[in-house]
C-alpha cells in the first residue's frame, strides 16, 4: 500500500498539471451544476409566465368571440322584429289608405268627375296631381 501511495505521489509530482486540470474540471462541474439549477429555475419561471400569458390571451379571445356571437344573434333578432313590424305597419297603412280612397270615392261619387276625385286623393295623400293630357288634347 505504501508503494502504491508512493507511485501516486510520484505521478502527481511528475504530471501535476493533469491533476490540477482534473481537479479544476471537477470543481467547475460542481459550480456549474449549482449555477445550472438557477438557470433552470429562471427558464422554468419564464416558461410558466409565458404559458399563463398565452392562456390569458386565449381566454380573452374566446370571451371576445362569445360576445361577438351574442351581439350578432341579438342583431338578427332585432332585425327580424323590425322586419315583421314593418310588414305589419305597411299592411295597416295600405289598408288605411285603401279605406280613405274608398271613402273619398263614395263621398264624391255623385259628381262622376274623375278629376275631382283624383284631386282630392292627391290632396289627401300629398301627391302632386297632373291633369290628364288626353282630356286637354280632346278639348283643343
C-alpha atoms as a PDB file:
ATOM      1  CA  UNK A   1       0.000   0.000   0.000  1.00  0.00           C
ATOM      2  CA  UNK A   2       2.840   2.312   0.745  1.00  0.00           C
ATOM      3  CA  UNK A   3       4.325   1.558  -2.587  1.00  0.00           C
ATOM      4  CA  UNK A   4       1.066   2.426  -4.310  1.00  0.00           C
ATOM      5  CA  UNK A   5       0.861   5.697  -2.455  1.00  0.00           C
ATOM      6  CA  UNK A   6       4.431   6.466  -3.381  1.00  0.00           C
ATOM      7  CA  UNK A   7       3.722   5.728  -7.049  1.00  0.00           C
ATOM      8  CA  UNK A   8       0.671   8.012  -6.927  1.00  0.00           C
ATOM      9  CA  UNK A   9       2.720  10.787  -5.317  1.00  0.00           C
ATOM     10  CA  UNK A  10       5.464  10.442  -7.935  1.00  0.00           C
ATOM     11  CA  UNK A  11       2.858  10.517 -10.711  1.00  0.00           C
ATOM     12  CA  UNK A  12       1.233  13.624  -9.242  1.00  0.00           C
ATOM     13  CA  UNK A  13       4.660  15.253  -8.796  1.00  0.00           C
ATOM     14  CA  UNK A  14       5.676  14.451 -12.346  1.00  0.00           C
ATOM     15  CA  UNK A  15       2.314  15.136 -14.024  1.00  0.00           C
ATOM     16  CA  UNK A  16       0.913  17.774 -11.630  1.00  0.00           C
ATOM     17  CA  UNK A  17      -0.777  19.723 -14.439  1.00  0.00           C
ATOM     18  CA  UNK A  18      -3.040  16.709 -15.212  1.00  0.00           C
ATOM     19  CA  UNK A  19      -4.048  16.508 -11.552  1.00  0.00           C
ATOM     20  CA  UNK A  20      -4.751  20.241 -11.372  1.00  0.00           C
ATOM     21  CA  UNK A  21      -6.741  20.043 -14.626  1.00  0.00           C
ATOM     22  CA  UNK A  22      -8.871  17.135 -13.395  1.00  0.00           C
ATOM     23  CA  UNK A  23      -9.392  18.842 -10.035  1.00  0.00           C
ATOM     24  CA  UNK A  24     -10.341  22.103 -11.806  1.00  0.00           C
ATOM     25  CA  UNK A  25     -12.745  20.199 -14.032  1.00  0.00           C
ATOM     26  CA  UNK A  26     -14.405  18.582 -11.015  1.00  0.00           C
ATOM     27  CA  UNK A  27     -14.702  21.927  -9.182  1.00  0.00           C
ATOM     28  CA  UNK A  28     -16.080  23.700 -12.278  1.00  0.00           C
ATOM     29  CA  UNK A  29     -18.623  20.925 -12.846  1.00  0.00           C
ATOM     30  CA  UNK A  30     -19.818  21.251  -9.263  1.00  0.00           C
ATOM     31  CA  UNK A  31     -20.084  25.040  -9.560  1.00  0.00           C
ATOM     32  CA  UNK A  32     -21.712  24.848 -12.990  1.00  0.00           C
ATOM     33  CA  UNK A  33     -24.228  22.338 -11.662  1.00  0.00           C
ATOM     34  CA  UNK A  34     -25.258  24.802  -8.961  1.00  0.00           C
ATOM     35  CA  UNK A  35     -25.496  27.677 -11.453  1.00  0.00           C
ATOM     36  CA  UNK A  36     -27.338  25.442 -13.873  1.00  0.00           C
ATOM     37  CA  UNK A  37     -30.062  24.812 -11.307  1.00  0.00           C
ATOM     38  CA  UNK A  38     -30.560  28.583 -11.021  1.00  0.00           C
ATOM     39  CA  UNK A  39     -30.725  28.902 -14.790  1.00  0.00           C
ATOM     40  CA  UNK A  40     -33.182  26.025 -14.935  1.00  0.00           C
ATOM     41  CA  UNK A  41     -35.335  27.770 -12.341  1.00  0.00           C
ATOM     42  CA  UNK A  42     -35.248  31.023 -14.324  1.00  0.00           C
ATOM     43  CA  UNK A  43     -36.158  29.204 -17.536  1.00  0.00           C
ATOM     44  CA  UNK A  44     -38.995  27.366 -15.790  1.00  0.00           C
ATOM     45  CA  UNK A  45     -40.374  30.606 -14.323  1.00  0.00           C
ATOM     46  CA  UNK A  46     -40.213  32.268 -17.747  1.00  0.00           C
ATOM     47  CA  UNK A  47     -41.978  29.280 -19.344  1.00  0.00           C
ATOM     48  CA  UNK A  48     -44.719  29.308 -16.684  1.00  0.00           C
ATOM     49  CA  UNK A  49     -45.178  33.035 -17.144  1.00  0.00           C
ATOM     50  CA  UNK A  50     -45.465  32.741 -20.908  1.00  0.00           C
ATOM     51  CA  UNK A  51     -47.935  29.845 -20.565  1.00  0.00           C
ATOM     52  CA  UNK A  52     -50.075  31.991 -18.259  1.00  0.00           C
ATOM     53  CA  UNK A  53     -49.974  34.879 -20.742  1.00  0.00           C
ATOM     54  CA  UNK A  54     -50.919  32.554 -23.611  1.00  0.00           C
ATOM     55  CA  UNK A  55     -53.776  31.119 -21.548  1.00  0.00           C
ATOM     56  CA  UNK A  56     -54.979  34.648 -20.693  1.00  0.00           C
ATOM     57  CA  UNK A  57     -54.848  35.652 -24.362  1.00  0.00           C
ATOM     58  CA  UNK A  58     -56.788  32.534 -25.386  1.00  0.00           C
ATOM     59  CA  UNK A  59     -59.419  33.202 -22.702  1.00  0.00           C
ATOM     60  CA  UNK A  60     -59.734  36.815 -23.845  1.00  0.00           C
ATOM     61  CA  UNK A  61     -60.086  35.663 -27.446  1.00  0.00           C
ATOM     62  CA  UNK A  62     -62.820  33.179 -26.502  1.00  0.00           C
ATOM     63  CA  UNK A  63     -64.635  35.850 -24.475  1.00  0.00           C
ATOM     64  CA  UNK A  64     -64.451  38.267 -27.403  1.00  0.00           C
ATOM     65  CA  UNK A  65     -65.812  35.617 -29.787  1.00  0.00           C
ATOM     66  CA  UNK A  66     -68.639  34.792 -27.350  1.00  0.00           C
ATOM     67  CA  UNK A  67     -69.619  38.460 -27.075  1.00  0.00           C
ATOM     68  CA  UNK A  68     -69.429  38.827 -30.830  1.00  0.00           C
ATOM     69  CA  UNK A  69     -71.734  35.836 -31.349  1.00  0.00           C
ATOM     70  CA  UNK A  70     -74.184  37.201 -28.764  1.00  0.00           C
ATOM     71  CA  UNK A  71     -74.194  40.633 -30.419  1.00  0.00           C
ATOM     72  CA  UNK A  72     -74.706  39.062 -33.836  1.00  0.00           C
ATOM     73  CA  UNK A  73     -77.581  36.946 -32.529  1.00  0.00           C
ATOM     74  CA  UNK A  74     -79.181  39.969 -30.863  1.00  0.00           C
ATOM     75  CA  UNK A  75     -78.762  41.952 -34.087  1.00  0.00           C
ATOM     76  CA  UNK A  76     -80.506  39.218 -36.079  1.00  0.00           C
ATOM     77  CA  UNK A  77     -83.363  39.070 -33.575  1.00  0.00           C
ATOM     78  CA  UNK A  78     -83.850  42.850 -33.653  1.00  0.00           C
ATOM     79  CA  UNK A  79     -83.653  42.871 -37.439  1.00  0.00           C
ATOM     80  CA  UNK A  80     -86.299  40.140 -37.718  1.00  0.00           C
ATOM     81  CA  UNK A  81     -88.559  42.000 -35.282  1.00  0.00           C
ATOM     82  CA  UNK A  82     -88.168  45.237 -37.232  1.00  0.00           C
ATOM     83  CA  UNK A  83     -88.949  43.481 -40.499  1.00  0.00           C
ATOM     84  CA  UNK A  84     -92.095  41.922 -39.001  1.00  0.00           C
ATOM     85  CA  UNK A  85     -93.167  45.278 -37.546  1.00  0.00           C
ATOM     86  CA  UNK A  86     -92.517  46.960 -40.882  1.00  0.00           C
ATOM     87  CA  UNK A  87     -94.638  44.431 -42.773  1.00  0.00           C
ATOM     88  CA  UNK A  88     -97.480  44.732 -40.254  1.00  0.00           C
ATOM     89  CA  UNK A  89     -97.421  48.542 -40.326  1.00  0.00           C
ATOM     90  CA  UNK A  90     -97.120  48.562 -44.095  1.00  0.00           C
ATOM     91  CA  UNK A  91    -100.179  46.359 -44.318  1.00  0.00           C
ATOM     92  CA  UNK A  92    -102.093  48.542 -41.838  1.00  0.00           C
ATOM     93  CA  UNK A  93    -101.152  51.705 -43.726  1.00  0.00           C
ATOM     94  CA  UNK A  94    -102.134  50.131 -47.037  1.00  0.00           C
ATOM     95  CA  UNK A  95    -105.490  49.126 -45.582  1.00  0.00           C
ATOM     96  CA  UNK A  96    -105.986  52.622 -44.119  1.00  0.00           C
ATOM     97  CA  UNK A  97    -105.102  54.307 -47.421  1.00  0.00           C
ATOM     98  CA  UNK A  98    -107.354  51.952 -49.320  1.00  0.00           C
ATOM     99  CA  UNK A  99    -110.233  52.723 -46.945  1.00  0.00           C
ATOM    100  CA  UNK A 100    -109.624  56.503 -47.254  1.00  0.00           C
ATOM    101  CA  UNK A 101    -109.624  56.226 -51.046  1.00  0.00           C
ATOM    102  CA  UNK A 102    -112.872  54.257 -50.943  1.00  0.00           C
ATOM    103  CA  UNK A 103    -114.417  56.861 -48.632  1.00  0.00           C
ATOM    104  CA  UNK A 104    -113.341  59.704 -50.947  1.00  0.00           C
ATOM    105  CA  UNK A 105    -114.816  57.890 -53.946  1.00  0.00           C
ATOM    106  CA  UNK A 106    -118.101  57.276 -52.084  1.00  0.00           C
ATOM    107  CA  UNK A 107    -118.282  60.929 -50.986  1.00  0.00           C
ATOM    108  CA  UNK A 108    -117.647  62.219 -54.493  1.00  0.00           C
ATOM    109  CA  UNK A 109    -119.437  59.502 -56.398  1.00  0.00           C
ATOM    110  CA  UNK A 110    -122.312  61.790 -57.158  1.00  0.00           C
ATOM    111  CA  UNK A 111    -120.137  64.172 -59.158  1.00  0.00           C
ATOM    112  CA  UNK A 112    -118.962  61.457 -61.577  1.00  0.00           C
ATOM    113  CA  UNK A 113    -115.984  63.639 -62.286  1.00  0.00           C
ATOM    114  CA  UNK A 114    -112.818  61.628 -62.092  1.00  0.00           C
ATOM    115  CA  UNK A 115    -110.645  64.723 -61.966  1.00  0.00           C
ATOM    116  CA  UNK A 116    -112.346  65.947 -58.798  1.00  0.00           C
ATOM    117  CA  UNK A 117    -111.870  62.558 -57.134  1.00  0.00           C
ATOM    118  CA  UNK A 118    -108.246  62.364 -58.322  1.00  0.00           C
ATOM    119  CA  UNK A 119    -107.503  65.880 -56.959  1.00  0.00           C
ATOM    120  CA  UNK A 120    -108.981  65.034 -53.576  1.00  0.00           C
ATOM    121  CA  UNK A 121    -106.996  61.776 -53.368  1.00  0.00           C
ATOM    122  CA  UNK A 122    -103.812  63.652 -54.318  1.00  0.00           C
ATOM    123  CA  UNK A 123    -104.546  66.318 -51.731  1.00  0.00           C
ATOM    124  CA  UNK A 124    -105.300  63.723 -49.032  1.00  0.00           C
ATOM    125  CA  UNK A 125    -102.031  61.777 -49.552  1.00  0.00           C
ATOM    126  CA  UNK A 126     -99.721  64.628 -50.528  1.00  0.00           C
ATOM    127  CA  UNK A 127     -99.380  63.576 -54.135  1.00  0.00           C
ATOM    128  CA  UNK A 128     -98.929  66.078 -56.964  1.00  0.00           C
ATOM    129  CA  UNK A 129    -101.912  65.946 -59.280  1.00  0.00           C
ATOM    130  CA  UNK A 130    -101.245  66.254 -63.029  1.00  0.00           C
ATOM    131  CA  UNK A 131    -104.224  66.743 -65.249  1.00  0.00           C
ATOM    132  CA  UNK A 132    -104.898  64.198 -67.920  1.00  0.00           C
ATOM    133  CA  UNK A 133    -103.224  65.439 -71.127  1.00  0.00           C
ATOM    134  CA  UNK A 134    -105.558  63.437 -73.358  1.00  0.00           C
ATOM    135  CA  UNK A 135    -108.503  65.357 -71.996  1.00  0.00           C
ATOM    136  CA  UNK A 136    -106.743  68.656 -72.743  1.00  0.00           C
ATOM    137  CA  UNK A 137    -105.897  67.479 -76.255  1.00  0.00           C
ATOM    138  CA  UNK A 138    -109.507  66.482 -76.884  1.00  0.00           C
ATOM    139  CA  UNK A 139    -110.664  69.911 -75.873  1.00  0.00           C
ATOM    140  CA  UNK A 140    -108.282  71.624 -78.302  1.00  0.00           C
END
